[in-house]
Amino acid sequence: MAGSAKAALTKLPTDGADTLLMLMGSAMVLLMTPGLAFFYGGFTRAK
């Protein structure tokens, strides 16, 4: 059991391009969320 725990703690190599892709994707989702709220808010009818 100790061997499997030690194997789980080994560091995996990270690539700068992978990190950049994840950060860009996260930023796009964060920017998309308010835009989607405005989009669906435009479907409501003003009385």
N, C-alpha and C. Protein backbone atom coordinates (compact mmCIF):
# COMPACT_ATOMS: atom_id res chain seq x y z
N MET A 1 0.82 -1.19 0.00
CA MET A 1 0.00 0.00 0.00
C MET A 1 0.86 1.25 0.00
N ALA A 2 1.96 1.23 0.69
CA ALA A 2 2.83 2.40 0.73
C ALA A 2 3.45 2.65 -0.64
N GLY A 3 3.70 1.59 -1.38
CA GLY A 3 4.26 1.77 -2.72
C GLY A 3 3.30 2.45 -3.67
N SER A 4 2.02 2.13 -3.58
CA SER A 4 1.05 2.76 -4.46
C SER A 4 0.84 4.22 -4.09
N ALA A 5 0.93 4.54 -2.81
CA ALA A 5 0.79 5.94 -2.39
C ALA A 5 1.98 6.76 -2.87
N LYS A 6 3.16 6.16 -2.82
CA LYS A 6 4.35 6.87 -3.27
C LYS A 6 4.31 7.06 -4.78
N ALA A 7 3.79 6.10 -5.51
CA ALA A 7 3.69 6.22 -6.96
C ALA A 7 2.69 7.30 -7.35
N ALA A 8 1.68 7.51 -6.54
CA ALA A 8 0.68 8.54 -6.84
C ALA A 8 1.23 9.94 -6.63
N LEU A 9 2.28 10.07 -5.82
CA LEU A 9 2.84 11.38 -5.52
C LEU A 9 3.93 11.81 -6.50
N THR A 10 4.27 10.97 -7.46
CA THR A 10 5.31 11.36 -8.41
C THR A 10 4.81 12.50 -9.27
N LYS A 11 5.71 13.43 -9.57
CA LYS A 11 5.32 14.60 -10.36
C LYS A 11 5.25 14.22 -11.83
N LEU A 12 4.18 14.64 -12.46
CA LEU A 12 4.04 14.44 -13.89
C LEU A 12 4.63 15.64 -14.62
N PRO A 13 5.24 15.42 -15.76
CA PRO A 13 5.81 16.57 -16.49
C PRO A 13 4.69 17.46 -17.03
N THR A 14 4.85 18.76 -16.85
CA THR A 14 3.87 19.70 -17.37
C THR A 14 4.50 20.46 -18.53
N ASP A 15 3.68 20.74 -19.51
CA ASP A 15 4.13 21.47 -20.68
C ASP A 15 3.53 22.87 -20.62
N GLY A 16 4.29 23.86 -21.02
CA GLY A 16 3.79 25.24 -21.00
C GLY A 16 2.60 25.43 -21.91
N ALA A 17 2.59 24.74 -23.04
CA ALA A 17 1.47 24.87 -23.98
C ALA A 17 0.19 24.29 -23.39
N ASP A 18 0.30 23.19 -22.65
CA ASP A 18 -0.88 22.61 -22.00
C ASP A 18 -1.46 23.56 -20.96
N THR A 19 -0.57 24.17 -20.19
CA THR A 19 -1.01 25.12 -19.17
C THR A 19 -1.67 26.33 -19.81
N LEU A 20 -1.09 26.83 -20.89
CA LEU A 20 -1.66 27.99 -21.59
C LEU A 20 -3.03 27.65 -22.16
N LEU A 21 -3.18 26.47 -22.71
CA LEU A 21 -4.46 26.07 -23.28
C LEU A 21 -5.53 25.98 -22.20
N MET A 22 -5.18 25.45 -21.04
CA MET A 22 -6.15 25.36 -19.94
C MET A 22 -6.52 26.75 -19.43
N LEU A 23 -5.54 27.65 -19.32
CA LEU A 23 -5.83 29.01 -18.85
C LEU A 23 -6.70 29.77 -19.85
N MET A 24 -6.42 29.61 -21.14
CA MET A 24 -7.22 30.29 -22.16
C MET A 24 -8.65 29.74 -22.18
N GLY A 25 -8.80 28.44 -22.06
CA GLY A 25 -10.13 27.85 -22.02
C GLY A 25 -10.92 28.31 -20.81
N SER A 26 -10.26 28.38 -19.67
CA SER A 26 -10.94 28.84 -18.45
C SER A 26 -11.35 30.30 -18.58
N ALA A 27 -10.48 31.13 -19.16
CA ALA A 27 -10.81 32.55 -19.33
C ALA A 27 -11.98 32.71 -20.29
N MET A 28 -12.01 31.91 -21.35
CA MET A 28 -13.12 32.02 -22.30
C MET A 28 -14.45 31.61 -21.66
N VAL A 29 -14.42 30.60 -20.82
CA VAL A 29 -15.65 30.18 -20.14
C VAL A 29 -16.10 31.26 -19.16
N LEU A 30 -15.15 31.88 -18.46
CA LEU A 30 -15.52 32.94 -17.53
C LEU A 30 -16.10 34.14 -18.26
N LEU A 31 -15.61 34.44 -19.46
CA LEU A 31 -16.17 35.55 -20.24
C LEU A 31 -17.48 35.16 -20.90
N MET A 32 -17.68 33.89 -21.17
CA MET A 32 -18.89 33.44 -21.85
C MET A 32 -20.10 33.46 -20.91
N THR A 33 -19.90 33.25 -19.64
CA THR A 33 -21.01 33.12 -18.70
C THR A 33 -21.87 34.38 -18.62
N PRO A 34 -21.30 35.59 -18.42
CA PRO A 34 -22.16 36.78 -18.43
C PRO A 34 -22.78 37.04 -19.79
N GLY A 35 -22.06 36.74 -20.86
CA GLY A 35 -22.61 36.92 -22.20
C GLY A 35 -23.82 36.03 -22.43
N LEU A 36 -23.77 34.83 -21.92
CA LEU A 36 -24.90 33.91 -22.05
C LEU A 36 -26.09 34.42 -21.23
N ALA A 37 -25.82 35.02 -20.09
CA ALA A 37 -26.90 35.59 -19.28
C ALA A 37 -27.57 36.74 -20.03
N PHE A 38 -26.79 37.60 -20.68
CA PHE A 38 -27.37 38.69 -21.47
C PHE A 38 -28.14 38.15 -22.66
N PHE A 39 -27.63 37.09 -23.26
CA PHE A 39 -28.30 36.48 -24.41
C PHE A 39 -29.68 35.97 -24.02
N TYR A 40 -29.75 35.19 -22.94
CA TYR A 40 -31.03 34.66 -22.51
C TYR A 40 -31.91 35.76 -21.91
N GLY A 41 -31.30 36.78 -21.33
CA GLY A 41 -32.08 37.90 -20.82
C GLY A 41 -32.76 38.68 -21.93
N GLY A 42 -32.19 38.65 -23.12
CA GLY A 42 -32.79 39.33 -24.26
C GLY A 42 -34.05 38.65 -24.75
N PHE A 43 -34.27 37.42 -24.38
CA PHE A 43 -35.48 36.71 -24.79
C PHE A 43 -36.71 37.10 -23.97
N THR A 44 -36.48 37.77 -22.84
CA THR A 44 -37.62 38.15 -22.01
C THR A 44 -38.32 39.35 -22.63
N ARG A 45 -39.61 39.38 -22.45
CA ARG A 45 -40.41 40.45 -23.04
C ARG A 45 -40.62 41.56 -22.02
N ALA A 46 -40.40 42.79 -22.42
CA ALA A 46 -40.65 43.93 -21.53
C ALA A 46 -42.14 44.26 -21.55
N LYS A 47 -42.70 44.50 -20.39
CA LYS A 47 -44.13 44.83 -20.32
C LYS A 47 -44.31 46.31 -20.11
